[in-house]
Amino acid sequence: MAAISHNGLAVPISYIPNTFELQRWEFMIFRSVMDMLTDQALLAKVEQFIADKNIPPSRFGREVMGDGALIQTLREGRSLTLKNAGKVIQYIQSYRPETR
């Protein structure tokens, strides 16, 4: 199977979407996920984000995926699918704090 190397990982070409079939925002999310493919890197980005924005972990999980235990289970070693990792990245990139 043909593969390309990205961040030291071999990614099978069959897993790389045709960029012409994706909307621009979908491609940007896909690239963001590919740039931080490891579970540890994703968790580190989430931990930094919730600390910087002073968001409780349970609120983050509920808002992103409807799962208040998301952060806790990530800390315990849970892996996300690329689709769900994309949701996390999209939330972080599009986050706008509430004004009260």
C-alpha atoms as a PDB file:
ATOM      1  CA  MET A   1       0.000   0.000   0.000  1.00  0.00           C
ATOM      2  CA  ALA A   2       1.353   3.429  -0.903  1.00  0.00           C
ATOM      3  CA  ALA A   3       1.965   5.798   2.002  1.00  0.00           C
ATOM      4  CA  ILE A   4       3.314   9.241   2.678  1.00  0.00           C
ATOM      5  CA  SER A   5       5.329  10.265   5.700  1.00  0.00           C
ATOM      6  CA  HIS A   6       3.911  12.960   7.950  1.00  0.00           C
ATOM      7  CA  ASN A   7       5.591  13.936  11.233  1.00  0.00           C
ATOM      8  CA  GLY A   8       7.497  10.667  11.131  1.00  0.00           C
ATOM      9  CA  LEU A   9       4.369   8.549  10.691  1.00  0.00           C
ATOM     10  CA  ALA A  10       3.498   6.580   7.584  1.00  0.00           C
ATOM     11  CA  VAL A  11      -0.028   7.510   6.546  1.00  0.00           C
ATOM     12  CA  PRO A  12      -1.599   5.248   3.913  1.00  0.00           C
ATOM     13  CA  ILE A  13      -2.651   7.245   0.872  1.00  0.00           C
ATOM     14  CA  SER A  14      -6.125   5.701   1.068  1.00  0.00           C
ATOM     15  CA  TYR A  15      -6.625   7.642   4.332  1.00  0.00           C
ATOM     16  CA  ILE A  16      -5.745  11.005   2.787  1.00  0.00           C
ATOM     17  CA  PRO A  17      -8.894  12.654   1.436  1.00  0.00           C
ATOM     18  CA  ASN A  18      -8.853  14.221  -1.985  1.00  0.00           C
ATOM     19  CA  THR A  19      -8.542  17.912  -1.154  1.00  0.00           C
ATOM     20  CA  PHE A  20     -10.695  18.853  -4.139  1.00  0.00           C
ATOM     21  CA  GLU A  21     -13.599  16.981  -2.566  1.00  0.00           C
ATOM     22  CA  LEU A  22     -13.278  18.785   0.772  1.00  0.00           C
ATOM     23  CA  GLN A  23     -14.503  22.191   1.735  1.00  0.00           C
ATOM     24  CA  ARG A  24     -11.683  24.551   2.718  1.00  0.00           C
ATOM     25  CA  TRP A  25     -12.578  24.405   6.433  1.00  0.00           C
ATOM     26  CA  GLU A  26     -12.713  20.603   6.348  1.00  0.00           C
ATOM     27  CA  PHE A  27      -9.246  20.477   4.848  1.00  0.00           C
ATOM     28  CA  MET A  28      -7.924  22.903   7.469  1.00  0.00           C
ATOM     29  CA  ILE A  29      -9.330  20.716  10.263  1.00  0.00           C
ATOM     30  CA  PHE A  30      -7.908  17.592   8.627  1.00  0.00           C
ATOM     31  CA  ARG A  31      -4.468  19.244   8.416  1.00  0.00           C
ATOM     32  CA  SER A  32      -4.700  20.334  12.060  1.00  0.00           C
ATOM     33  CA  VAL A  33      -5.537  16.799  13.139  1.00  0.00           C
ATOM     34  CA  MET A  34      -2.718  15.358  11.037  1.00  0.00           C
ATOM     35  CA  ASP A  35      -0.266  17.857  12.555  1.00  0.00           C
ATOM     36  CA  MET A  36      -1.071  16.601  16.061  1.00  0.00           C
ATOM     37  CA  LEU A  37      -1.862  12.990  15.379  1.00  0.00           C
ATOM     38  CA  THR A  38      -0.757  11.551  18.701  1.00  0.00           C
ATOM     39  CA  ASP A  39      -3.145  11.178  21.614  1.00  0.00           C
ATOM     40  CA  GLN A  40      -0.613  12.809  23.927  1.00  0.00           C
ATOM     41  CA  ALA A  41      -0.206  15.858  21.698  1.00  0.00           C
ATOM     42  CA  LEU A  42      -3.973  16.299  21.393  1.00  0.00           C
ATOM     43  CA  LEU A  43      -4.432  15.998  25.157  1.00  0.00           C
ATOM     44  CA  ALA A  44      -1.618  18.511  25.758  1.00  0.00           C
ATOM     45  CA  LYS A  45      -3.291  21.001  23.416  1.00  0.00           C
ATOM     46  CA  VAL A  46      -6.654  20.502  25.150  1.00  0.00           C
ATOM     47  CA  GLU A  47      -5.089  20.827  28.619  1.00  0.00           C
ATOM     48  CA  GLN A  48      -3.344  24.058  27.599  1.00  0.00           C
ATOM     49  CA  PHE A  49      -6.547  25.424  26.041  1.00  0.00           C
ATOM     50  CA  ILE A  50      -8.764  24.752  29.071  1.00  0.00           C
ATOM     51  CA  ALA A  51      -6.107  26.201  31.397  1.00  0.00           C
ATOM     52  CA  ASP A  52      -5.656  29.340  29.261  1.00  0.00           C
ATOM     53  CA  LYS A  53      -9.405  29.904  28.901  1.00  0.00           C
ATOM     54  CA  ASN A  54     -10.239  28.817  32.476  1.00  0.00           C
ATOM     55  CA  ILE A  55     -12.791  26.289  31.230  1.00  0.00           C
ATOM     56  CA  PRO A  56     -13.664  23.371  33.509  1.00  0.00           C
ATOM     57  CA  PRO A  57     -12.798  20.022  31.861  1.00  0.00           C
ATOM     58  CA  SER A  58     -16.379  18.752  32.179  1.00  0.00           C
ATOM     59  CA  ARG A  59     -17.773  21.842  30.423  1.00  0.00           C
ATOM     60  CA  PHE A  60     -15.269  21.471  27.588  1.00  0.00           C
ATOM     61  CA  GLY A  61     -16.248  17.833  27.081  1.00  0.00           C
ATOM     62  CA  ARG A  62     -19.974  18.588  27.151  1.00  0.00           C
ATOM     63  CA  GLU A  63     -19.662  21.459  24.669  1.00  0.00           C
ATOM     64  CA  VAL A  64     -17.423  19.583  22.241  1.00  0.00           C
ATOM     65  CA  MET A  65     -18.904  16.092  22.267  1.00  0.00           C
ATOM     66  CA  GLY A  66     -21.725  15.993  24.797  1.00  0.00           C
ATOM     67  CA  ASP A  67     -19.474  14.015  27.171  1.00  0.00           C
ATOM     68  CA  GLY A  68     -18.592  15.647  30.475  1.00  0.00           C
ATOM     69  CA  ALA A  69     -16.050  12.896  31.170  1.00  0.00           C
ATOM     70  CA  LEU A  70     -14.165  13.425  27.887  1.00  0.00           C
ATOM     71  CA  ILE A  71     -11.050  15.016  29.407  1.00  0.00           C
ATOM     72  CA  GLN A  72     -10.887  12.497  32.239  1.00  0.00           C
ATOM     73  CA  THR A  73     -11.081   9.569  29.831  1.00  0.00           C
ATOM     74  CA  LEU A  74      -8.442  11.174  27.573  1.00  0.00           C
ATOM     75  CA  ARG A  75      -6.211  11.486  30.636  1.00  0.00           C
ATOM     76  CA  GLU A  76      -6.801   7.783  31.262  1.00  0.00           C
ATOM     77  CA  GLY A  77      -5.623   6.901  27.752  1.00  0.00           C
ATOM     78  CA  ARG A  78      -8.748   7.093  25.587  1.00  0.00           C
ATOM     79  CA  SER A  79      -8.059   7.552  21.887  1.00  0.00           C
ATOM     80  CA  LEU A  80     -10.336   9.596  19.670  1.00  0.00           C
ATOM     81  CA  THR A  81     -11.245   8.836  16.102  1.00  0.00           C
ATOM     82  CA  LEU A  82      -9.969  11.347  13.547  1.00  0.00           C
ATOM     83  CA  LYS A  83     -13.522  12.625  13.190  1.00  0.00           C
ATOM     84  CA  ASN A  84     -13.848  13.298  16.917  1.00  0.00           C
ATOM     85  CA  ALA A  85     -10.325  14.714  17.133  1.00  0.00           C
ATOM     86  CA  GLY A  86     -11.391  17.052  14.325  1.00  0.00           C
ATOM     87  CA  LYS A  87     -14.351  18.186  16.443  1.00  0.00           C
ATOM     88  CA  VAL A  88     -11.991  18.983  19.308  1.00  0.00           C
ATOM     89  CA  ILE A  89      -9.643  20.972  17.061  1.00  0.00           C
ATOM     90  CA  GLN A  90     -12.529  22.795  15.388  1.00  0.00           C
ATOM     91  CA  TYR A  91     -13.921  23.801  18.788  1.00  0.00           C
ATOM     92  CA  ILE A  92     -10.537  25.109  19.930  1.00  0.00           C
ATOM     93  CA  GLN A  93      -9.917  27.016  16.708  1.00  0.00           C
ATOM     94  CA  SER A  94     -13.376  28.591  16.594  1.00  0.00           C
ATOM     95  CA  TYR A  95     -13.755  29.275  20.336  1.00  0.00           C
ATOM     96  CA  ARG A  96     -15.132  32.688  21.237  1.00  0.00           C
ATOM     97  CA  PRO A  97     -15.579  33.415  24.952  1.00  0.00           C
ATOM     98  CA  GLU A  98     -19.053  34.301  26.137  1.00  0.00           C
ATOM     99  CA  THR A  99     -19.594  37.913  27.016  1.00  0.00           C
ATOM    100  CA  ARG A 100     -21.748  38.446  30.054  1.00  0.00           C
END
